[in-house]
Protein backbone atom coordinates (compact mmCIF):
# COMPACT_ATOMS: atom_id res chain seq x y z
CA UNK A 1 -26.54 3.42 -26.35
CA UNK A 2 -27.16 0.83 -23.35
CA UNK A 3 -27.50 1.65 -20.70
CA UNK A 4 -25.24 0.38 -17.27
CA UNK A 5 -26.77 -0.93 -15.39
CA UNK A 6 -26.33 0.19 -10.76
CA UNK A 7 -26.35 -1.89 -8.44
CA UNK A 8 -26.47 -0.56 -4.63
CA UNK A 9 -23.46 -1.03 -4.38
CA UNK A 10 -22.29 2.53 -6.32
CA UNK A 11 -20.21 4.99 -4.83
CA UNK A 12 -19.25 8.32 -6.98
CA UNK A 13 -15.86 9.95 -5.74
CA UNK A 14 -16.85 13.67 -6.30
CA UNK A 15 -13.92 15.19 -3.83
CA UNK A 16 -11.90 14.11 -1.27
CA UNK A 17 -14.64 15.90 1.22
CA UNK A 18 -18.09 14.84 -0.51
CA UNK A 19 -18.41 10.98 0.04
CA UNK A 20 -17.27 9.55 2.57
CA UNK A 21 -16.65 6.29 2.23
CA UNK A 22 -18.65 4.65 5.70
CA UNK A 23 -21.05 7.02 4.35
CA UNK A 24 -21.77 5.65 0.92
CA UNK A 25 -25.79 6.63 -0.48
CA UNK A 26 -28.01 3.89 -1.10
CA UNK A 27 -31.00 3.51 -2.97
CA UNK A 28 -34.13 3.63 -1.40
CA UNK A 29 -35.80 0.10 -1.32
CA UNK A 30 -37.25 -0.90 -3.97
CA UNK A 31 -40.62 0.11 -4.89
CA UNK A 32 -39.81 3.85 -2.76
CA UNK A 33 -39.87 7.23 -3.76
CA UNK A 34 -36.61 8.61 -5.39
CA UNK A 35 -35.26 5.45 -6.55
CA UNK A 36 -35.43 5.93 -9.87
CA UNK A 37 -33.95 10.17 -9.08
CA UNK A 38 -31.13 8.82 -6.86
CA UNK A 39 -30.23 5.91 -10.05
CA UNK A 40 -29.74 8.75 -12.72
CA UNK A 41 -28.42 11.03 -10.94
CA UNK A 42 -25.92 8.59 -10.09
CA UNK A 43 -25.11 7.22 -13.40
CA UNK A 44 -24.81 11.19 -15.00
CA UNK A 45 -21.80 10.70 -12.04
CA UNK A 46 -20.27 8.46 -13.57
CA UNK A 47 -20.13 9.43 -17.21
CA UNK A 48 -19.12 12.96 -16.46
CA UNK A 49 -15.72 11.04 -13.80
CA UNK A 50 -12.30 11.42 -14.53
CA UNK A 51 -11.50 8.03 -13.80
CA UNK A 52 -14.67 4.54 -13.70
CA UNK A 53 -14.08 2.02 -12.04
CA UNK A 54 -15.81 -1.47 -12.55
CA UNK A 55 -15.35 -4.14 -9.84
CA UNK A 56 -17.02 -7.03 -8.17
CA UNK A 57 -17.80 -6.97 -3.98
CA UNK A 58 -15.11 -8.24 -2.84
CA UNK A 59 -12.38 -5.70 -4.09
CA UNK A 60 -14.75 -3.14 -3.62
CA UNK A 61 -14.51 -3.46 -0.07
CA UNK A 62 -11.55 -5.18 0.52
CA UNK A 63 -9.85 -0.93 0.41
CA UNK A 64 -10.76 0.64 -3.32
CA UNK A 65 -13.25 3.42 -2.04
CA UNK A 66 -10.57 4.85 0.87
CA UNK A 67 -7.84 4.34 -2.10
CA UNK A 68 -9.70 6.88 -4.78
CA UNK A 69 -11.17 9.39 -2.10
CA UNK A 70 -6.81 9.34 -1.40
CA UNK A 71 -6.16 10.12 -5.14
CA UNK A 72 -9.43 12.99 -5.58
CA UNK A 73 -7.82 14.45 -2.61
CA UNK A 74 -3.84 14.49 -4.23
CA UNK A 75 -4.59 15.05 -7.57
CA UNK A 76 -8.48 16.39 -8.00
CA UNK A 77 -9.55 13.50 -10.24
CA UNK A 78 -12.80 12.22 -10.26
CA UNK A 79 -13.38 8.40 -10.13
CA UNK A 80 -16.85 6.92 -9.77
CA UNK A 81 -17.05 3.20 -8.38
CA UNK A 82 -19.26 0.34 -9.62
CA UNK A 83 -20.27 -2.90 -8.21
CA UNK A 84 -21.63 -5.19 -10.80
CA UNK A 85 -21.78 -9.47 -10.06
CA UNK A 86 -19.26 -11.22 -10.57
CA UNK A 87 -21.09 -13.11 -13.70
CA UNK A 88 -22.33 -9.85 -15.58
CA UNK A 89 -18.88 -8.55 -15.35
CA UNK A 90 -17.30 -9.73 -18.49
CA UNK A 91 -20.56 -8.58 -20.05
CA UNK A 92 -20.01 -5.09 -18.61
CA UNK A 93 -16.75 -4.68 -19.19
CA UNK A 94 -17.15 -5.91 -23.75
CA UNK A 95 -21.38 -3.38 -23.24
CA UNK A 96 -21.65 -1.20 -20.90
CA UNK A 97 -22.23 2.20 -21.77
CA UNK A 98 -20.37 4.69 -20.55
CA UNK A 99 -17.71 2.74 -20.83
CA UNK A 100 -15.41 1.76 -17.74
CA UNK A 101 -11.44 3.20 -17.79
CA UNK A 102 -10.73 0.96 -15.34
CA UNK A 103 -11.52 -2.87 -13.89
CA UNK A 104 -10.66 -4.89 -10.91
CA UNK A 105 -11.31 -8.61 -11.32
CA UNK A 106 -10.92 -12.09 -10.33
CA UNK A 107 -7.40 -13.43 -12.93
CA UNK A 108 -9.43 -16.17 -14.76
CA UNK A 109 -11.63 -13.69 -15.88
CA UNK A 110 -9.50 -10.54 -16.48
CA UNK A 111 -7.30 -13.27 -18.23
CA UNK A 112 -10.36 -13.57 -20.82
CA UNK A 113 -10.57 -10.90 -21.32
CA UNK A 114 -6.83 -10.05 -21.98
CA UNK A 115 -7.11 -12.86 -24.33
CA UNK A 116 -9.55 -11.09 -26.20
CA UNK A 117 -8.22 -8.06 -26.14
CA UNK A 118 -10.57 -6.19 -24.01
CA UNK A 119 -7.24 -4.73 -22.56
CA UNK A 120 -4.66 -1.45 -23.23
CA UNK A 121 -1.41 -3.88 -23.60
CA UNK A 122 0.57 -3.87 -20.33
CA UNK A 123 -2.02 -3.24 -18.33
CA UNK A 124 -3.26 -6.28 -16.38
CA UNK A 125 -0.99 -6.48 -13.21
CA UNK A 126 -1.99 -8.61 -10.03
CA UNK A 127 -3.75 -7.03 -7.70
CA UNK A 128 -3.64 -9.61 -4.67
CA UNK A 129 -5.61 -12.22 -2.68
CA UNK A 130 -8.73 -13.22 -1.27
CA UNK A 131 -9.16 -15.71 1.47
CA UNK A 132 -11.57 -16.95 2.11
CA UNK A 133 -11.92 -17.02 6.53
CA UNK A 134 -14.49 -17.71 9.20
CA UNK A 135 -17.38 -16.14 11.31
CA UNK A 136 -18.57 -15.24 14.63
CA UNK A 137 -21.27 -13.39 16.00
CA UNK A 138 -19.65 -10.41 17.61
CA UNK A 139 -18.65 -12.27 21.01
CA UNK A 140 -18.71 -15.48 20.47
CA UNK A 141 -15.99 -17.89 21.01
CA UNK A 142 -13.69 -17.81 18.36
CA UNK A 143 -12.11 -21.88 17.33
CA UNK A 144 -9.08 -22.81 16.47
CA UNK A 145 -9.56 -23.68 12.30
CA UNK A 146 -6.05 -23.56 12.06
CA UNK A 147 -6.01 -27.14 10.60
CA UNK A 148 -8.41 -29.03 8.44
CA UNK A 149 -9.48 -30.80 10.80
CA UNK A 150 -10.41 -28.07 13.72
CA UNK A 151 -11.92 -26.31 10.84
CA UNK A 152 -14.11 -29.59 10.49
CA UNK A 153 -14.70 -30.01 13.81
CA UNK A 154 -15.62 -26.07 14.38
CA UNK A 155 -18.45 -26.71 11.22
CA UNK A 156 -20.01 -29.23 12.57
CA UNK A 157 -20.90 -27.56 16.53
CA UNK A 158 -22.08 -25.09 14.32
CA UNK A 159 -26.72 -25.45 14.50
CA UNK A 160 -26.26 -23.55 11.16
CA UNK A 161 -23.38 -22.50 8.73
CA UNK A 162 -24.53 -19.55 6.54
CA UNK A 163 -22.48 -19.70 3.08
CA UNK A 164 -23.84 -17.14 -0.19
CA UNK A 165 -24.82 -19.27 -3.21
CA UNK A 166 -23.37 -20.52 -6.71
CA UNK A 167 -26.07 -20.56 -8.62
CA UNK A 168 -25.91 -16.74 -9.29
CA UNK A 169 -23.08 -16.84 -9.95
CA UNK A 170 -20.77 -16.16 -7.37
CA UNK A 171 -17.17 -17.18 -8.10
CA UNK A 172 -16.72 -16.83 -3.22
CA UNK A 173 -19.85 -18.96 -2.89
CA UNK A 174 -18.39 -20.83 -5.44
CA UNK A 175 -15.11 -21.52 -3.54
CA UNK A 176 -16.34 -22.70 -0.56
CA UNK A 177 -18.49 -24.79 -2.16
CA UNK A 178 -15.40 -26.58 -3.69
CA UNK A 179 -13.38 -25.95 -1.50
CA UNK A 180 -14.86 -26.69 1.93
CA UNK A 181 -18.65 -27.32 1.29
CA UNK A 182 -17.55 -30.30 -0.78
CA UNK A 183 -15.16 -32.34 0.58
CA UNK A 184 -15.83 -35.28 2.02
CA UNK A 185 -13.50 -34.14 5.47
CA UNK A 186 -16.99 -31.85 5.35
CA UNK A 187 -19.29 -34.35 5.83
CA UNK A 188 -22.04 -33.85 8.63
CA UNK A 189 -21.43 -29.40 8.40
CA UNK A 190 -24.90 -28.13 9.36
CA UNK A 191 -24.78 -25.17 6.44
CA UNK A 192 -27.04 -22.85 4.79
CA UNK A 193 -27.45 -20.88 1.87
CA UNK A 194 -28.18 -17.61 2.49
CA UNK A 195 -31.31 -16.37 0.55
CA UNK A 196 -30.46 -12.95 1.16
CA UNK A 197 -27.10 -11.44 -0.21
CA UNK A 198 -24.31 -13.03 1.29
CA UNK A 199 -23.42 -15.73 3.37
CA UNK A 200 -21.55 -12.45 6.06
CA UNK A 201 -24.37 -11.03 5.63
CA UNK A 202 -26.90 -13.32 7.30
CA UNK A 203 -25.15 -14.54 9.47
CA UNK A 204 -25.46 -10.14 10.45
CA UNK A 205 -28.64 -9.97 10.06
CA UNK A 206 -29.23 -12.83 12.42
CA UNK A 207 -29.73 -16.60 10.10
CA UNK A 208 -26.64 -19.11 11.41
CA UNK A 209 -24.04 -18.93 13.91
CA UNK A 210 -21.97 -19.28 12.03
CA UNK A 211 -20.41 -18.65 7.95
CA UNK A 212 -18.49 -18.98 5.71
CA UNK A 213 -17.26 -15.80 3.73
CA UNK A 214 -14.25 -13.65 2.33
CA UNK A 215 -12.45 -11.81 4.93
CA UNK A 216 -13.21 -8.31 3.23
CA UNK A 217 -16.99 -9.17 3.13
CA UNK A 218 -16.82 -10.40 6.74
CA UNK A 219 -15.43 -7.14 8.55
CA UNK A 220 -17.45 -4.73 6.93
CA UNK A 221 -20.91 -5.29 8.81
CA UNK A 222 -19.78 -4.42 13.57
CA UNK A 223 -22.07 -7.27 14.07
CA UNK A 224 -19.65 -10.24 13.32
CA UNK A 225 -15.86 -10.94 13.64
CA UNK A 226 -12.81 -13.06 11.09
CA UNK A 227 -12.18 -15.55 13.44
CA UNK A 228 -8.84 -15.73 10.63
CA UNK A 229 -8.50 -17.75 6.85
CA UNK A 230 -9.46 -21.00 6.13
CA UNK A 231 -6.54 -23.28 6.26
CA UNK A 232 -4.24 -22.83 3.10
CA UNK A 233 -4.89 -26.27 2.67
CA UNK A 234 -7.58 -26.14 0.67
CA UNK A 235 -6.94 -23.00 -1.28
CA UNK A 236 -9.78 -21.36 -0.33
CA UNK A 237 -8.92 -17.34 -1.76
CA UNK A 238 -9.79 -15.58 -5.08
CA UNK A 239 -6.71 -13.86 -6.53
CA UNK A 240 -7.53 -10.91 -7.65
CA UNK A 241 -5.73 -8.22 -10.94
CA UNK A 242 -6.70 -5.31 -12.48
CA UNK A 243 -6.08 -2.80 -15.46
CA UNK A 244 -7.27 -0.35 -18.27
CA UNK A 245 -10.06 -1.44 -19.95
CA UNK A 246 -9.37 -1.07 -23.88
CA UNK A 247 -12.84 1.05 -24.10
CA UNK A 248 -10.80 3.07 -21.86
CA UNK A 249 -12.03 7.27 -23.11
CA UNK A 250 -9.71 8.31 -19.74
CA UNK A 251 -6.43 6.21 -20.53
CA UNK A 252 -3.84 8.63 -19.05
CA UNK A 253 -6.73 9.27 -15.91
CA UNK A 254 -6.86 5.28 -15.90
CA UNK A 255 -2.95 5.17 -15.64
CA UNK A 256 -2.42 6.51 -12.81
CA UNK A 257 -4.52 5.34 -10.52
CA UNK A 258 -3.59 2.21 -11.37
CA UNK A 259 -0.41 2.88 -10.88
CA UNK A 260 -1.54 4.64 -7.48
CA UNK A 261 -3.58 2.00 -5.56
CA UNK A 262 -0.34 -0.18 -6.15
CA UNK A 263 2.22 2.15 -4.71
CA UNK A 264 3.70 0.66 -1.51
CA UNK A 265 2.88 3.50 0.63
CA UNK A 266 -1.46 1.54 0.08
CA UNK A 267 -0.13 -2.41 0.66
CA UNK A 268 -1.87 -0.75 4.09
CA UNK A 269 -5.01 0.23 3.01
CA UNK A 270 -5.82 -2.98 1.03
CA UNK A 271 -4.80 -5.55 4.23
CA UNK A 272 -7.20 -4.08 6.56
CA UNK A 273 -9.51 -4.11 4.25
CA UNK A 274 -9.30 -7.98 4.19
CA UNK A 275 -6.74 -7.90 0.15
CA UNK A 276 -2.80 -9.15 0.32
CA UNK A 277 -1.16 -7.35 -1.78
CA UNK A 278 1.33 -10.30 -3.96
CA UNK A 279 4.30 -6.99 -3.86
């Protein structure tokens, strides 16, 4: 049986009080003692969960953990969340064992899964929009980026603008490259691809003085601040969706969880973490 690969962002929500989202345990650095044991423990808890969720980092950071914790508190159902990189998400949904019950992906990837019969009919639903934004170091001035021209001027004033690497399959990085960096209006912008993590993470470590990143991936870092979303004329966003996997082993619980996270009451939770709900 093929083992499910767990990233450093695995979250196991056993009870409402067991693991707050802000204190999610992460495996030690590669080579550190206990990394294998921790991964095995996480895999076992994922397998035992009532609802297994597979998603990408951009949604993980946008309120999902908070809502999963609340769901567990209200229903007693254990929820496990696993993140995978965008480029491997479709394959993981089709082949990983144990299989995910709920999947959350960009529309483009979910549509492909739907056409191939990999989701339960009638459960493919819109989730929200994740907009790209500009980040600066905490306490730094916030430039006016309300128009394409003003954004371009702000980026050209930076010594270095950090961004994510599109060669690794990151849809965020691809949107930033295609919608911003490659456009003629942004000629002369000195940008650098982060070699370790996302562009926002690089800025938080002290690299560069600005970063282009999904807003929901800027907000978790106290070392940096969101200036604002990029001008709408650029169309720099990713639309997200959710569905129940056709391989789900806990279909009823999965449907209940999807309904829970899409309730009107959930909208402020998503919005506070950078995801704009469609409804």
